Amino acid sequence: MKAIRIANPGGLDRLNLVDMDEPGAPGPGEIRVRIHASSLNFHDYGVVSGKMPTEDGRIPMSDGAGVVEAVGDGVEDFAIGDHVVSCFFPLWQDGPARVADFKTTPGDGVDGYARESVVRPATWFTHAPKGWDHDEAATLTTAGLTAWRALVVDGGIKPGDRVLVLGTGGVSIFALQMAKAFGASVAATSSSDDKLERVRELGADFTVNYKNEANWGAAVREWTGGDGVDHVVEVGGAATLAQSIEAGRIGAHLALIGVLTGRSGEIPTAKLMAKQQTLQGLIVGSHIMQTEMIRALETTGIRPVIDSRFALADIADAFRHEEAGKHFGKIALTI
């Protein structure tokens, strides 16, 4: 079978398409999955670019979707022919957060899904949403579940809430769609007027171009009538957090899920304290969270927004497209 391996020290020119032996029969508790798709995330880019070093020869990509080809003894949740999607933290099945690193994350601490077939414990997967193609399902492992946990699991979103999403990457677009499905109003930011037009088409109630409006947090707060938003899906990090705090109401929930603008920076702690806001860091979620999210997606009819699709052999070009920041929604890797 074909697979991608990263040659140290990493870099998009060191993503090598190789031939590997097909995996054998699954053992007890395992399934063999024919992988048909993955999708790109900022975390994957960190690994393949060498900014987040991993083992030489690592197979990248945390997201994987495909079809069960064989089932080992004792597996009851899956049957041959089932469509499945991988979990970001395969050992975190339920309960509160149990991991603080990527040692068990496919594509980082262990080999991932940039390959045609894999044998893994059945608990590393959930069923994919009914009626979704594999490219769509592969968007859920990281981006979909991150948005779900930020708003639903941790944020407790309810009808009538007001939500701020930053930018138009995979997590932010999922968060917009989920918030609207829950009956919330949504404000969105971008540096592109064309992208802002697209988020309005998806239901965004208020948009602001942060290149044209430096104090965009105040603009968002003004949109709410001066109170501020209930939830912020904060993907930027250091350079955007102060504005996100400004945009939030007293007691707002700020989900810190990204570091697109840097890994560290100054936090206006006095303002955060004065507004009595909750700033909660999170990384994706558990198996049970993914199962519950998929049930909700089937109920609401939400479908992911896929910007573009690349073949496995063109994985470097896919990451260059992500690197350029021109995508809207998710970038799929069709395998």
Protein backbone atom coordinates (compact mmCIF):
# COMPACT_ATOMS: atom_id res chain seq x y z
CA MET A 1 0.00 0.00 0.00
CA LYS A 2 0.97 3.66 -0.36
CA ALA A 3 1.77 5.87 2.62
CA ILE A 4 3.48 9.16 3.44
CA ARG A 5 6.48 9.28 5.76
CA ILE A 6 8.18 12.38 7.18
CA ALA A 7 11.97 12.53 6.92
CA ASN A 8 13.62 14.44 9.75
CA PRO A 9 14.02 17.31 10.39
CA GLY A 10 10.69 17.75 8.63
CA GLY A 11 9.52 20.22 6.00
CA LEU A 12 7.08 20.00 3.12
CA ASP A 13 9.85 18.83 0.79
CA ARG A 14 10.53 15.88 3.11
CA LEU A 15 7.10 14.25 2.80
CA ASN A 16 7.89 11.02 0.98
CA LEU A 17 5.39 8.74 -0.76
CA VAL A 18 6.48 5.16 0.02
CA ASP A 19 5.35 1.58 -0.49
CA MET A 20 4.51 -0.42 2.65
CA ASP A 21 3.19 -3.87 3.33
CA GLU A 22 -0.56 -4.06 3.86
CA PRO A 23 -1.46 -4.67 7.49
CA GLY A 24 -2.44 -8.22 8.40
CA ALA A 25 -5.59 -9.55 9.99
CA PRO A 26 -6.87 -7.64 13.03
CA GLY A 27 -6.30 -9.22 16.42
CA PRO A 28 -8.79 -9.39 19.28
CA GLY A 29 -10.51 -6.05 19.79
CA GLU A 30 -9.09 -4.62 16.56
CA ILE A 31 -10.45 -3.62 13.16
CA ARG A 32 -8.78 -3.16 9.78
CA VAL A 33 -9.87 0.03 8.06
CA ARG A 34 -9.40 0.98 4.42
CA ILE A 35 -8.59 4.70 4.77
CA HIS A 36 -10.26 6.85 2.12
CA ALA A 37 -9.69 10.38 3.44
CA SER A 38 -7.97 12.67 5.89
CA SER A 39 -8.13 16.44 6.41
CA LEU A 40 -5.55 19.08 7.22
CA ASN A 41 -5.26 20.85 10.57
CA PHE A 42 -2.85 23.40 12.02
CA HIS A 43 -1.52 20.68 14.31
CA ASP A 44 -0.72 18.46 11.30
CA TYR A 45 1.08 21.38 9.68
CA GLY A 46 3.18 21.81 12.81
CA VAL A 47 4.25 18.17 12.60
CA VAL A 48 5.02 17.95 8.87
CA SER A 49 6.78 21.32 8.80
CA GLY A 50 9.16 20.25 11.56
CA LYS A 51 7.98 22.93 13.98
CA MET A 52 6.65 20.14 16.21
CA PRO A 53 9.39 17.48 15.87
CA THR A 54 8.38 13.84 15.70
CA GLU A 55 10.09 10.51 15.07
CA ASP A 56 11.90 10.07 11.75
CA GLY A 57 9.67 8.20 9.31
CA ARG A 58 6.45 9.11 11.11
CA ILE A 59 3.26 8.67 9.08
CA PRO A 60 1.40 12.00 9.52
CA MET A 61 -2.26 13.05 9.77
CA SER A 62 -4.51 12.79 12.81
CA ASP A 63 -7.77 12.55 10.87
CA GLY A 64 -8.81 9.35 9.13
CA ALA A 65 -12.06 8.14 7.62
CA GLY A 66 -12.80 4.93 5.77
CA VAL A 67 -14.49 1.53 5.65
CA VAL A 68 -14.09 -1.45 7.98
CA GLU A 69 -12.55 -4.32 6.01
CA ALA A 70 -12.10 -6.90 8.77
CA VAL A 71 -13.10 -7.31 12.42
CA GLY A 72 -11.16 -9.07 15.17
CA ASP A 73 -12.56 -11.29 17.91
CA GLY A 74 -14.61 -9.53 20.52
CA VAL A 75 -15.49 -6.48 18.45
CA GLU A 76 -19.21 -5.76 18.75
CA ASP A 77 -19.54 -2.09 17.78
CA PHE A 78 -18.44 -2.45 14.15
CA ALA A 79 -19.07 -4.78 11.23
CA ILE A 80 -17.46 -5.21 7.83
CA GLY A 81 -18.62 -2.38 5.56
CA ASP A 82 -19.21 0.17 8.31
CA HIS A 83 -18.02 3.72 7.64
CA VAL A 84 -15.83 4.99 10.48
CA VAL A 85 -13.84 8.04 11.53
CA SER A 86 -10.79 8.18 13.81
CA CYS A 87 -10.40 9.80 17.24
CA PHE A 88 -7.72 12.42 18.01
CA PHE A 89 -7.05 11.06 21.52
CA PRO A 90 -7.75 7.35 21.01
CA LEU A 91 -7.14 6.42 24.66
CA TRP A 92 -9.47 9.12 26.06
CA GLN A 93 -12.81 7.39 25.94
CA ASP A 94 -14.92 9.44 28.36
CA GLY A 95 -14.85 11.56 31.50
CA PRO A 96 -12.82 14.73 32.12
CA ALA A 97 -9.66 15.57 30.18
CA ARG A 98 -6.98 12.95 30.71
CA VAL A 99 -4.21 14.02 28.32
CA ALA A 100 -1.94 17.05 28.12
CA ASP A 101 0.35 16.05 25.26
CA PHE A 102 0.30 14.39 21.85
CA LYS A 103 2.10 11.14 22.72
CA THR A 104 -0.95 9.06 21.74
CA THR A 105 -2.21 11.28 18.93
CA PRO A 106 -2.07 9.65 15.47
CA GLY A 107 0.22 11.52 13.12
CA ASP A 108 2.33 12.86 16.00
CA GLY A 109 3.16 10.51 18.87
CA VAL A 110 2.15 7.44 16.85
CA ASP A 111 1.72 6.80 13.12
CA GLY A 112 -1.30 8.48 11.56
CA TYR A 113 -3.64 8.10 8.62
CA ALA A 114 -1.71 9.26 5.54
CA ARG A 115 -1.87 5.69 4.30
CA GLU A 116 -4.27 3.35 2.54
CA SER A 117 -4.97 0.84 5.30
CA VAL A 118 -4.53 0.45 9.03
CA VAL A 119 -5.19 -2.02 11.86
CA ARG A 120 -6.06 -0.38 15.15
CA PRO A 121 -8.16 -1.08 18.26
CA ALA A 122 -11.85 -0.62 17.52
CA THR A 123 -12.02 1.97 20.32
CA TRP A 124 -9.84 4.29 18.21
CA PHE A 125 -12.82 4.94 15.90
CA THR A 126 -16.46 5.97 15.97
CA HIS A 127 -19.12 5.48 13.33
CA ALA A 128 -19.17 8.20 10.68
CA PRO A 129 -22.35 10.24 10.16
CA LYS A 130 -24.86 8.44 7.97
CA GLY A 131 -24.86 9.68 4.38
CA TRP A 132 -21.55 11.54 4.59
CA ASP A 133 -18.74 10.84 2.14
CA HIS A 134 -15.30 10.03 3.50
CA ASP A 135 -13.85 13.48 2.83
CA GLU A 136 -16.64 15.00 4.90
CA ALA A 137 -16.28 12.51 7.74
CA ALA A 138 -12.53 13.09 7.98
CA THR A 139 -13.14 16.74 8.94
CA LEU A 140 -14.64 15.71 12.28
CA THR A 141 -11.72 14.14 14.16
CA THR A 142 -10.01 17.41 15.01
CA ALA A 143 -11.83 20.51 13.74
CA GLY A 144 -15.41 19.34 14.18
CA LEU A 145 -14.91 17.98 17.69
CA THR A 146 -12.92 21.02 18.80
CA ALA A 147 -15.78 23.34 17.82
CA TRP A 148 -18.34 21.03 19.45
CA ARG A 149 -16.48 20.84 22.74
CA ALA A 150 -15.83 24.60 22.82
CA LEU A 151 -19.48 25.52 22.39
CA VAL A 152 -21.52 22.55 23.62
CA VAL A 153 -19.52 20.48 26.11
CA ASP A 154 -17.57 23.27 27.82
CA GLY A 155 -19.59 26.31 26.80
CA GLY A 156 -23.10 24.98 27.37
CA ILE A 157 -24.46 27.00 24.45
CA LYS A 158 -28.20 27.64 24.40
CA PRO A 159 -30.72 29.35 22.10
CA GLY A 160 -30.36 33.10 22.09
CA ASP A 161 -26.66 33.10 22.97
CA ARG A 162 -24.23 35.25 21.02
CA VAL A 163 -21.02 33.72 19.67
CA LEU A 164 -17.83 35.19 18.21
CA VAL A 165 -15.72 33.11 15.82
CA LEU A 166 -12.33 34.24 14.56
CA GLY A 167 -11.36 33.68 10.96
CA THR A 168 -12.69 31.15 8.46
CA GLY A 169 -10.65 28.01 9.09
CA GLY A 170 -12.15 24.61 9.76
CA VAL A 171 -12.88 25.05 13.48
CA SER A 172 -14.39 28.51 13.06
CA ILE A 173 -16.70 27.48 10.24
CA PHE A 174 -17.86 24.42 12.18
CA ALA A 175 -18.46 26.65 15.22
CA LEU A 176 -20.52 29.05 13.11
CA GLN A 177 -22.67 26.22 11.78
CA MET A 178 -23.13 24.60 15.18
CA ALA A 179 -23.97 27.89 16.89
CA LYS A 180 -26.64 28.68 14.31
CA ALA A 181 -28.10 25.17 14.69
CA PHE A 182 -28.41 25.83 18.45
CA GLY A 183 -30.32 29.05 17.81
CA ALA A 184 -27.45 31.42 18.60
CA SER A 185 -26.41 34.62 16.84
CA VAL A 186 -22.89 34.72 15.43
CA ALA A 187 -20.28 37.39 14.78
CA ALA A 188 -17.31 36.50 12.58
CA THR A 189 -13.98 38.13 11.77
CA SER A 190 -11.72 37.88 8.75
CA SER A 191 -9.18 39.95 6.83
CA SER A 192 -11.00 39.18 3.57
CA ASP A 193 -14.24 40.85 2.52
CA ASP A 194 -14.91 37.96 0.13
CA LYS A 195 -14.67 35.47 3.00
CA LEU A 196 -16.92 37.65 5.15
CA GLU A 197 -19.52 37.54 2.40
CA ARG A 198 -19.32 33.75 2.46
CA VAL A 199 -19.79 33.53 6.23
CA ARG A 200 -22.84 35.77 5.91
CA GLU A 201 -24.21 33.27 3.41
CA LEU A 202 -23.68 30.58 6.07
CA GLY A 203 -25.73 32.60 8.55
CA ALA A 204 -23.30 34.97 10.29
CA ASP A 205 -25.29 37.85 11.78
CA PHE A 206 -22.42 40.33 12.07
CA THR A 207 -19.01 40.49 10.39
CA VAL A 208 -15.95 42.67 10.80
CA ASN A 209 -12.75 42.93 8.77
CA TYR A 210 -10.03 43.10 11.40
CA LYS A 211 -7.57 44.66 8.94
CA ASN A 212 -9.88 47.63 8.52
CA GLU A 213 -11.06 47.75 12.15
CA ALA A 214 -8.19 47.47 14.63
CA ASN A 215 -10.52 47.57 17.63
CA TRP A 216 -12.75 44.80 16.34
CA GLY A 217 -13.55 43.56 19.84
CA ALA A 218 -15.35 46.82 20.60
CA ALA A 219 -17.17 46.60 17.25
CA VAL A 220 -18.46 43.15 18.17
CA ARG A 221 -19.52 44.33 21.62
CA GLU A 222 -21.35 47.29 20.05
CA TRP A 223 -23.21 44.84 17.79
CA THR A 224 -24.61 43.15 20.91
CA GLY A 225 -25.91 46.47 22.22
CA GLY A 226 -22.94 46.97 24.48
CA ASP A 227 -23.23 43.81 26.58
CA GLY A 228 -20.79 41.56 24.71
CA VAL A 229 -20.93 38.00 23.39
CA ASP A 230 -21.52 34.90 25.52
CA HIS A 231 -18.92 32.69 23.81
CA VAL A 232 -15.67 33.27 21.95
CA VAL A 233 -14.03 30.52 19.90
CA GLU A 234 -10.48 31.87 20.21
CA VAL A 235 -8.19 30.34 17.58
CA GLY A 236 -5.64 33.15 17.36
CA GLY A 237 -4.02 33.19 20.76
CA ALA A 238 -1.59 35.87 21.87
CA ALA A 239 -2.36 38.63 19.37
CA THR A 240 -6.15 38.30 19.44
CA LEU A 241 -6.95 37.43 23.04
CA ALA A 242 -7.18 41.01 24.29
CA GLN A 243 -9.77 41.84 21.63
CA SER A 244 -11.68 38.65 22.41
CA ILE A 245 -11.86 39.65 26.08
CA GLU A 246 -13.09 43.07 24.98
CA ALA A 247 -15.81 41.45 22.84
CA GLY A 248 -17.06 39.17 25.65
CA ARG A 249 -19.77 40.02 28.14
CA ILE A 250 -19.35 39.86 31.90
CA GLY A 251 -19.08 36.15 32.66
CA ALA A 252 -18.42 35.13 29.05
CA HIS A 253 -16.84 31.78 28.16
CA LEU A 254 -13.66 32.06 26.06
CA ALA A 255 -12.50 28.76 24.56
CA LEU A 256 -8.77 29.01 23.85
CA ILE A 257 -8.17 26.44 21.15
CA GLY A 258 -5.44 27.84 18.92
CA VAL A 259 -2.11 29.61 18.76
CA LEU A 260 -2.18 30.88 15.18
CA THR A 261 -0.63 34.21 16.24
CA GLY A 262 1.97 32.74 18.58
CA ARG A 263 2.49 30.37 21.51
CA SER A 264 2.82 33.02 24.20
CA GLY A 265 1.96 36.64 24.82
CA GLU A 266 0.64 39.19 27.25
CA ILE A 267 -2.83 38.55 28.68
CA PRO A 268 -4.80 41.52 30.08
CA THR A 269 -5.47 39.67 33.32
CA ALA A 270 -7.02 42.68 35.08
CA LYS A 271 -9.67 43.01 32.37
CA LEU A 272 -10.31 39.27 32.33
CA MET A 273 -10.78 39.37 36.09
CA ALA A 274 -12.93 42.50 36.05
CA LYS A 275 -15.27 40.98 33.48
CA GLN A 276 -15.28 37.71 35.45
CA GLN A 277 -14.82 35.71 32.27
CA THR A 278 -13.79 32.07 31.98
CA LEU A 279 -10.73 31.48 29.78
CA GLN A 280 -10.59 27.74 29.15
CA GLY A 281 -7.90 26.01 27.17
CA LEU A 282 -8.87 22.83 25.35
CA ILE A 283 -7.54 20.33 22.84
CA VAL A 284 -10.16 18.38 20.87
CA GLY A 285 -12.12 15.87 23.01
CA SER A 286 -13.01 12.31 23.94
CA HIS A 287 -14.58 9.32 22.20
CA ILE A 288 -17.97 9.89 23.84
CA MET A 289 -17.93 13.58 22.87
CA GLN A 290 -17.34 12.57 19.25
CA THR A 291 -20.17 10.05 19.34
CA GLU A 292 -22.57 12.64 20.75
CA MET A 293 -21.46 15.24 18.21
CA ILE A 294 -22.07 12.87 15.31
CA ARG A 295 -25.57 12.13 16.57
CA ALA A 296 -26.24 15.88 16.69
CA LEU A 297 -24.85 16.43 13.20
CA GLU A 298 -27.14 13.74 11.81
CA THR A 299 -30.09 15.40 13.55
CA THR A 300 -29.35 18.98 12.48
CA GLY A 301 -28.25 18.26 8.92
CA ILE A 302 -25.01 20.25 9.26
CA ARG A 303 -22.45 19.33 6.58
CA PRO A 304 -18.81 20.46 6.58
CA VAL A 305 -17.55 23.14 4.22
CA ILE A 306 -14.71 21.66 2.16
CA ASP A 307 -12.50 24.20 0.44
CA SER A 308 -10.52 21.81 -1.75
CA ARG A 309 -9.42 18.22 -2.19
CA PHE A 310 -5.92 16.88 -2.83
CA ALA A 311 -4.65 13.37 -3.60
CA LEU A 312 -2.37 11.60 -1.12
CA ALA A 313 0.62 12.05 -3.43
CA ASP A 314 -0.04 15.81 -3.46
CA ILE A 315 0.02 16.21 0.32
CA ALA A 316 2.79 18.82 0.20
CA ASP A 317 0.72 20.97 -2.16
CA ALA A 318 -2.24 20.61 0.18
CA PHE A 319 -0.18 21.96 3.07
CA ARG A 320 1.17 24.79 0.89
CA HIS A 321 -2.44 25.73 0.21
CA GLU A 322 -3.13 25.75 3.96
CA GLU A 323 0.09 27.69 4.59
CA ALA A 324 -1.06 30.41 2.19
CA GLY A 325 -4.17 30.97 4.32
CA LYS A 326 -6.50 31.27 1.35
CA HIS A 327 -8.74 28.35 2.24
CA PHE A 328 -12.29 28.64 3.57
CA GLY A 329 -13.29 25.72 5.76
CA LYS A 330 -11.49 22.39 5.48
CA ILE A 331 -8.87 21.00 3.10
CA ALA A 332 -9.42 17.30 2.37
CA LEU A 333 -6.85 14.66 1.51
CA THR A 334 -8.49 12.00 -0.65
CA ILE A 335 -6.78 8.62 -0.32
